Amino acid sequence: MKSRFSLVIAIAVAGLGAVYPSSGQQITSDIEVSGASTKDGYGNSNCDEDGELYRIRMNARPGGEPVSVMRVAKDGSTVLFTIPQPDWGIQAISPSADGLIVAANSGDGAERGLTHIYHFDLQGSLQSQRTVTLDFQLVAMAETKSGMTIAVGYRPRLEMNKEARTYGGAVLNAADKVVKPFEFQPTTEGERWKVVSTHRMWVDEHGVSFAVQSGDAPNYAIATIDDSGGVAILPLKTVNGARHHDWFFAKGVAAELYQFAEGAPPRPVKIDVFDLVTGKNLGTKTRPNVGFADACYLGDEMSMTAHSAHVEKSRGLSPDALRLVTVRLE
């Protein structure tokens, strides 16, 4: 589980490097993130339907800084959600109507199979804590509009061979009890579907949607799970040969961000937008090469996190100050 969040953090940190000044005219907003820095141990993760970013600190840090989640609003203000056990590992998070749901485990072999679920209010105060036994390795979850939780992962839970894993999960009710397990059926070619590495999710009246992939190419699709555990797989016609793929969501659409092999100057970053219901390609957008870490897809814009090493000295920011930068898509 930790390897998945490590990948998200690695992508985020890598993106905090070079800056391309020529993209300045495409930046529509640039604000400092309150109480955050590029060295605080958080990595970009989910976004909610309002375009607010959730950053995860997956490991406790020296000096007693605990495992926690930071919500970053568009104005740069932040709220922390801290689980009571400072050295446990976060498995998945889900923005909810009431605040945030966090799933964590202790890493203790004696608790194998147990997931602890914490419900926080919008101000970051812990409201409830429950323990549930899952027969799969949890990788992502989201609360539906009706208050159920769709938890997704793979079986067998301890399977180290990725090719032998079967993805599925379970529907949990409002009391965090498992009410319906589900499983992804193989493709017509017999390939297994698996959740893409950054496991972002989107919630609407149809259920919980997220990107999945199969095969070596790979082939991509959108999986949607409803409250009853019904699984719908919507194949997509995506580009081939790109060196990097990432998936984001906004109202009614899935957005595939990709880039072909680097050149001089770097090749542009493209975003193909797909209708979540029909799978139709709605067009392609271009994201400026600003050298920042992608955060939230906002339709005509994209928010990103960035360091402050090259900002104007008049702003009085330290090089490690974290900024939330919004860029216009072309």
Protein backbone atom coordinates (compact mmCIF):
# COMPACT_ATOMS: atom_id res chain seq x y z
CA MET A 1 0.00 0.00 0.00
CA LYS A 2 2.73 2.42 0.90
CA SER A 3 4.30 2.02 -2.53
CA ARG A 4 1.21 3.56 -4.16
CA PHE A 5 1.28 6.66 -2.01
CA SER A 6 5.06 6.80 -2.42
CA LEU A 7 4.51 7.03 -6.17
CA VAL A 8 2.11 9.93 -5.75
CA ILE A 9 4.63 11.74 -3.53
CA ALA A 10 7.50 11.01 -5.91
CA ILE A 11 5.55 12.52 -8.80
CA ALA A 12 4.70 15.55 -6.69
CA VAL A 13 8.28 16.16 -5.54
CA ALA A 14 9.68 15.68 -9.04
CA GLY A 15 7.30 18.30 -10.33
CA LEU A 16 8.58 20.93 -7.91
CA GLY A 17 11.77 21.38 -9.89
CA ALA A 18 12.40 23.45 -12.99
CA VAL A 19 10.33 26.51 -13.82
CA TYR A 20 9.67 27.78 -17.35
CA PRO A 21 9.37 31.58 -17.19
CA SER A 22 7.75 31.82 -20.65
CA SER A 23 4.60 30.30 -19.16
CA GLY A 24 4.06 33.25 -16.83
CA GLN A 25 1.33 34.76 -18.97
CA GLN A 26 -0.71 31.55 -18.58
CA ILE A 27 -0.67 31.65 -14.77
CA THR A 28 -4.02 32.93 -13.51
CA SER A 29 -3.40 32.58 -9.76
CA ASP A 30 -0.30 32.24 -7.58
CA ILE A 31 -0.71 32.12 -3.80
CA GLU A 32 1.26 30.85 -0.82
CA VAL A 33 -0.15 27.78 0.95
CA SER A 34 -0.59 28.54 4.64
CA GLY A 35 1.49 26.41 7.01
CA ALA A 36 3.04 24.31 4.23
CA SER A 37 6.45 23.84 2.65
CA THR A 38 8.07 21.68 0.01
CA LYS A 39 9.84 19.77 2.80
CA ASP A 40 6.86 19.03 5.03
CA GLY A 41 6.56 15.42 3.91
CA TYR A 42 3.18 15.73 2.19
CA GLY A 43 2.42 14.59 -1.35
CA ASN A 44 -0.46 15.62 -3.62
CA SER A 45 -3.34 13.15 -3.65
CA ASN A 46 -7.10 13.56 -4.20
CA CYS A 47 -9.16 16.60 -5.13
CA ASP A 48 -12.79 17.15 -4.21
CA GLU A 49 -15.62 18.41 -6.42
CA ASP A 50 -14.86 22.00 -5.36
CA GLY A 51 -11.29 21.76 -6.64
CA GLU A 52 -9.72 21.64 -3.18
CA LEU A 53 -6.52 19.61 -2.92
CA TYR A 54 -5.78 16.94 -0.32
CA ARG A 55 -2.13 16.31 0.54
CA ILE A 56 -1.05 13.20 2.48
CA ARG A 57 1.83 12.78 4.90
CA MET A 58 2.10 9.02 4.91
CA ASN A 59 4.96 8.64 7.42
CA ALA A 60 5.54 10.20 10.83
CA ARG A 61 8.49 12.61 10.84
CA PRO A 62 11.29 13.31 13.32
CA GLY A 63 10.22 15.76 15.99
CA GLY A 64 6.79 14.21 16.44
CA GLU A 65 5.06 15.42 13.27
CA PRO A 66 2.34 12.76 12.83
CA VAL A 67 0.73 11.07 9.86
CA SER A 68 -2.02 13.39 8.63
CA VAL A 69 -3.92 14.85 5.68
CA MET A 70 -3.85 18.53 4.68
CA ARG A 71 -6.74 20.08 2.77
CA VAL A 72 -5.71 23.08 0.66
CA ALA A 73 -8.46 25.50 -0.37
CA LYS A 74 -8.18 27.61 -3.51
CA ASP A 75 -7.28 30.65 -1.39
CA GLY A 76 -4.30 28.81 0.13
CA SER A 77 -5.86 28.25 3.55
CA THR A 78 -5.40 24.79 5.05
CA VAL A 79 -7.03 22.35 7.47
CA LEU A 80 -5.26 19.35 9.03
CA PHE A 81 -6.85 15.96 9.63
CA THR A 82 -4.67 13.99 12.05
CA ILE A 83 -5.36 10.40 13.07
CA PRO A 84 -4.84 9.62 16.81
CA GLN A 85 -2.07 7.08 16.16
CA PRO A 86 0.81 9.23 14.88
CA ASP A 87 2.89 6.42 13.37
CA TRP A 88 0.22 4.41 11.57
CA GLY A 89 0.03 4.28 7.78
CA ILE A 90 -2.73 5.90 5.73
CA GLN A 91 -4.26 3.51 3.19
CA ALA A 92 -6.86 5.73 1.52
CA ILE A 93 -8.86 8.93 1.99
CA SER A 94 -12.23 10.19 0.82
CA PRO A 95 -13.63 13.71 0.94
CA SER A 96 -17.19 13.48 2.27
CA ALA A 97 -20.22 15.69 2.72
CA ASP A 98 -19.31 16.08 6.39
CA GLY A 99 -15.55 16.44 6.06
CA LEU A 100 -13.04 13.66 5.40
CA ILE A 101 -12.84 9.87 5.81
CA VAL A 102 -9.40 8.35 6.43
CA ALA A 103 -8.55 4.64 6.36
CA ALA A 104 -5.37 3.57 8.16
CA ASN A 105 -3.63 0.50 9.51
CA SER A 106 -1.07 -0.14 12.21
CA GLY A 107 1.36 -2.29 10.24
CA ASP A 108 1.25 -4.79 13.11
CA GLY A 109 1.03 -8.39 11.92
CA ALA A 110 -1.38 -9.14 14.74
CA GLU A 111 -3.86 -6.71 13.13
CA ARG A 112 -3.53 -8.15 9.65
CA GLY A 113 -6.74 -7.57 7.71
CA LEU A 114 -7.99 -4.82 10.03
CA THR A 115 -8.59 -1.32 8.69
CA HIS A 116 -9.33 1.58 11.01
CA ILE A 117 -11.71 4.18 9.57
CA TYR A 118 -11.79 7.74 10.92
CA HIS A 119 -14.49 10.30 10.18
CA PHE A 120 -13.56 13.98 10.52
CA ASP A 121 -15.72 17.08 10.25
CA LEU A 122 -14.90 19.97 7.92
CA GLN A 123 -12.76 21.66 10.58
CA GLY A 124 -10.56 18.57 11.06
CA SER A 125 -12.07 17.36 14.35
CA LEU A 126 -12.35 13.58 14.75
CA GLN A 127 -16.01 12.53 15.00
CA SER A 128 -15.87 8.72 14.99
CA GLN A 129 -13.47 5.80 14.75
CA ARG A 130 -14.39 2.27 13.68
CA THR A 131 -12.57 -0.93 12.75
CA VAL A 132 -13.55 -3.11 9.80
CA THR A 133 -12.15 -6.41 8.52
CA LEU A 134 -11.49 -6.44 4.77
CA ASP A 135 -10.53 -9.49 2.71
CA PHE A 136 -8.62 -7.32 0.21
CA GLN A 137 -5.73 -4.84 0.23
CA LEU A 138 -7.34 -1.41 0.24
CA VAL A 139 -5.95 1.10 -2.27
CA ALA A 140 -8.71 3.72 -2.67
CA MET A 141 -12.17 4.65 -1.45
CA ALA A 142 -14.89 7.25 -1.90
CA GLU A 143 -18.18 8.12 -0.24
CA THR A 144 -21.22 8.05 -2.54
CA LYS A 145 -23.94 10.68 -2.64
CA SER A 146 -26.15 8.43 -0.48
CA GLY A 147 -23.53 8.05 2.25
CA MET A 148 -22.25 4.56 1.35
CA THR A 149 -18.51 4.02 0.91
CA ILE A 150 -16.99 2.24 -2.08
CA ALA A 151 -13.70 0.64 -1.03
CA VAL A 152 -11.45 -0.71 -3.80
CA GLY A 153 -8.40 -2.96 -3.67
CA TYR A 154 -7.04 -6.34 -4.68
CA ARG A 155 -7.29 -9.97 -3.64
CA PRO A 156 -5.48 -11.99 -2.32
CA ARG A 157 -4.58 -9.29 0.16
CA LEU A 158 -0.94 -10.38 0.60
CA GLU A 159 -0.27 -11.26 -3.05
CA MET A 160 3.13 -9.85 -4.06
CA ASN A 161 2.87 -10.90 -7.72
CA LYS A 162 0.98 -8.01 -9.30
CA GLU A 163 -0.12 -10.15 -12.23
CA ALA A 164 -1.88 -12.58 -9.88
CA ARG A 165 -4.00 -9.91 -8.19
CA THR A 166 -7.71 -9.61 -8.86
CA TYR A 167 -9.14 -6.16 -8.25
CA GLY A 168 -12.49 -5.56 -6.63
CA GLY A 169 -13.61 -4.35 -3.24
CA ALA A 170 -16.70 -3.86 -1.12
CA VAL A 171 -19.56 -1.49 -0.41
CA LEU A 172 -19.64 -0.23 3.19
CA ASN A 173 -22.71 1.31 4.79
CA ALA A 174 -22.81 4.50 6.87
CA ALA A 175 -21.71 2.49 9.92
CA ASP A 176 -18.62 1.23 8.02
CA LYS A 177 -19.95 -2.33 7.80
CA VAL A 178 -19.33 -4.43 4.69
CA VAL A 179 -22.66 -5.01 2.94
CA LYS A 180 -21.64 -6.12 -0.55
CA PRO A 181 -18.34 -7.40 -2.02
CA PHE A 182 -17.62 -6.97 -5.74
CA GLU A 183 -14.95 -7.94 -8.26
CA PHE A 184 -13.80 -6.69 -11.67
CA GLN A 185 -14.41 -9.22 -14.43
CA PRO A 186 -11.57 -9.82 -16.93
CA THR A 187 -11.58 -8.23 -20.37
CA THR A 188 -12.80 -10.21 -23.37
CA GLU A 189 -9.13 -11.08 -24.01
CA GLY A 190 -8.79 -12.46 -20.48
CA GLU A 191 -6.71 -9.55 -19.16
CA ARG A 192 -7.21 -8.34 -15.57
CA TRP A 193 -8.22 -4.78 -14.78
CA LYS A 194 -6.26 -2.91 -12.13
CA VAL A 195 -6.61 0.57 -10.65
CA VAL A 196 -4.12 3.11 -12.06
CA SER A 197 -1.34 4.07 -9.70
CA THR A 198 -2.63 7.49 -8.63
CA HIS A 199 -6.15 6.09 -7.89
CA ARG A 200 -8.10 9.37 -8.01
CA MET A 201 -11.89 8.97 -7.78
CA TRP A 202 -14.97 10.93 -8.74
CA VAL A 203 -18.45 10.75 -7.19
CA ASP A 204 -21.73 11.61 -8.91
CA GLU A 205 -25.29 10.29 -9.15
CA HIS A 206 -24.04 7.20 -11.01
CA GLY A 207 -21.69 6.10 -8.22
CA VAL A 208 -17.92 6.20 -7.82
CA SER A 209 -15.75 6.37 -10.95
CA PHE A 210 -12.01 5.90 -11.41
CA ALA A 211 -9.49 4.90 -14.08
CA VAL A 212 -8.40 1.30 -14.58
CA GLN A 213 -5.94 -0.32 -16.97
CA SER A 214 -5.26 -3.75 -18.46
CA GLY A 215 -2.53 -5.37 -20.51
CA ASP A 216 0.99 -4.20 -21.28
CA ALA A 217 0.06 -1.43 -23.76
CA PRO A 218 -1.92 -0.59 -21.54
CA ASN A 219 -5.61 -0.22 -22.36
CA TYR A 220 -7.57 2.25 -20.23
CA ALA A 221 -11.18 2.36 -19.08
CA ILE A 222 -13.39 4.05 -16.52
CA ALA A 223 -14.83 1.79 -13.82
CA THR A 224 -17.98 2.93 -12.05
CA ILE A 225 -19.28 1.22 -8.90
CA ASP A 226 -22.80 1.93 -7.67
CA ASP A 227 -24.29 1.62 -4.18
CA SER A 228 -25.34 -1.99 -4.76
CA GLY A 229 -21.83 -3.08 -5.80
CA GLY A 230 -22.63 -3.15 -9.51
CA VAL A 231 -19.51 -2.73 -11.66
CA ALA A 232 -19.57 -1.01 -15.06
CA ILE A 233 -16.42 -0.82 -17.20
CA LEU A 234 -16.34 1.82 -19.96
CA PRO A 235 -13.39 1.27 -22.35
CA LEU A 236 -11.72 4.40 -23.73
CA LYS A 237 -9.80 5.06 -26.94
CA THR A 238 -6.61 6.67 -25.67
CA VAL A 239 -3.28 7.62 -27.22
CA ASN A 240 -0.44 5.12 -27.62
CA GLY A 241 3.27 5.63 -27.04
CA ALA A 242 3.19 8.35 -24.37
CA ARG A 243 5.83 8.07 -21.64
CA HIS A 244 3.57 9.22 -18.85
CA HIS A 245 -0.16 8.91 -18.15
CA ASP A 246 -2.16 10.37 -15.28
CA TRP A 247 -5.90 10.61 -14.68
CA PHE A 248 -7.98 13.43 -13.22
CA PHE A 249 -11.70 14.10 -12.91
CA ALA A 250 -14.13 17.01 -12.95
CA LYS A 251 -17.89 17.23 -13.27
CA GLY A 252 -19.03 14.79 -15.96
CA VAL A 253 -15.56 14.11 -17.38
CA ALA A 254 -12.37 12.11 -17.00
CA ALA A 255 -9.15 13.80 -18.09
CA GLU A 256 -6.08 11.87 -19.21
CA LEU A 257 -2.85 13.83 -18.88
CA TYR A 258 0.07 12.51 -20.93
CA GLN A 259 3.36 13.53 -22.49
CA PHE A 260 5.50 11.97 -25.20
CA ALA A 261 9.27 11.47 -24.95
CA GLU A 262 11.20 14.52 -23.84
CA GLY A 263 12.92 16.70 -26.37
CA ALA A 264 14.51 20.14 -26.48
CA PRO A 265 12.46 22.11 -25.63
CA PRO A 266 10.26 19.67 -23.64
CA ARG A 267 7.23 18.32 -25.50
CA PRO A 268 3.91 19.86 -24.43
CA VAL A 269 1.71 18.11 -21.88
CA LYS A 270 -1.62 17.08 -23.42
CA ILE A 271 -4.96 16.42 -21.74
CA ASP A 272 -7.62 14.35 -23.49
CA VAL A 273 -11.09 14.83 -21.99
CA PHE A 274 -13.67 12.01 -22.01
CA ASP A 275 -17.37 11.99 -21.20
CA LEU A 276 -17.88 9.86 -18.08
CA VAL A 277 -21.15 8.36 -19.35
CA THR A 278 -20.46 7.69 -23.04
CA GLY A 279 -16.65 7.56 -23.13
CA LYS A 280 -16.65 10.00 -26.06
CA ASN A 281 -13.47 12.01 -26.54
CA LEU A 282 -14.55 15.64 -26.05
CA GLY A 283 -11.28 17.16 -27.22
CA THR A 284 -7.66 17.79 -26.32
CA LYS A 285 -6.17 20.57 -24.21
CA THR A 286 -2.57 21.62 -23.65
CA ARG A 287 -1.08 22.30 -20.24
CA PRO A 288 1.82 24.79 -20.12
CA ASN A 289 5.24 23.38 -19.26
CA VAL A 290 5.60 25.25 -15.97
CA GLY A 291 7.57 22.53 -14.16
CA PHE A 292 5.18 22.27 -11.20
CA ALA A 293 3.41 19.26 -9.64
CA ASP A 294 -0.11 18.67 -10.91
CA ALA A 295 -2.84 19.03 -8.30
CA CYS A 296 -6.45 19.43 -9.55
CA TYR A 297 -8.04 19.46 -13.00
CA LEU A 298 -10.48 22.39 -13.07
CA GLY A 299 -11.85 22.22 -16.60
CA ASP A 300 -10.31 25.24 -18.33
CA GLU A 301 -7.53 25.45 -15.74
CA MET A 302 -5.28 23.23 -13.65
CA SER A 303 -3.96 23.88 -10.17
CA MET A 304 -0.41 22.86 -9.30
CA THR A 305 1.96 23.03 -6.33
CA ALA A 306 5.31 24.75 -6.64
CA HIS A 307 8.38 25.82 -4.68
CA SER A 308 9.33 29.48 -4.28
CA ALA A 309 13.00 29.44 -5.24
CA HIS A 310 12.50 31.69 -8.27
CA VAL A 311 9.75 34.07 -7.21
CA GLU A 312 10.28 37.80 -6.88
CA LYS A 313 12.17 38.68 -3.71
CA SER A 314 9.57 41.35 -2.97
CA ARG A 315 7.11 38.59 -2.03
CA GLY A 316 9.26 37.67 0.94
CA LEU A 317 8.87 33.92 0.50
CA SER A 318 11.48 31.38 1.53
CA PRO A 319 12.67 29.04 -1.25
CA ASP A 320 10.84 26.16 0.44
CA ALA A 321 7.50 27.97 0.76
CA LEU A 322 4.76 26.02 -1.04
CA ARG A 323 2.61 27.87 -3.56
CA LEU A 324 -0.69 26.90 -5.19
CA VAL A 325 -0.40 27.99 -8.81
CA THR A 326 -3.30 27.85 -11.27
CA VAL A 327 -2.56 27.79 -15.01
CA ARG A 328 -4.84 28.28 -17.99
CA LEU A 329 -5.20 25.32 -20.34
CA GLU A 330 -5.04 25.94 -24.06
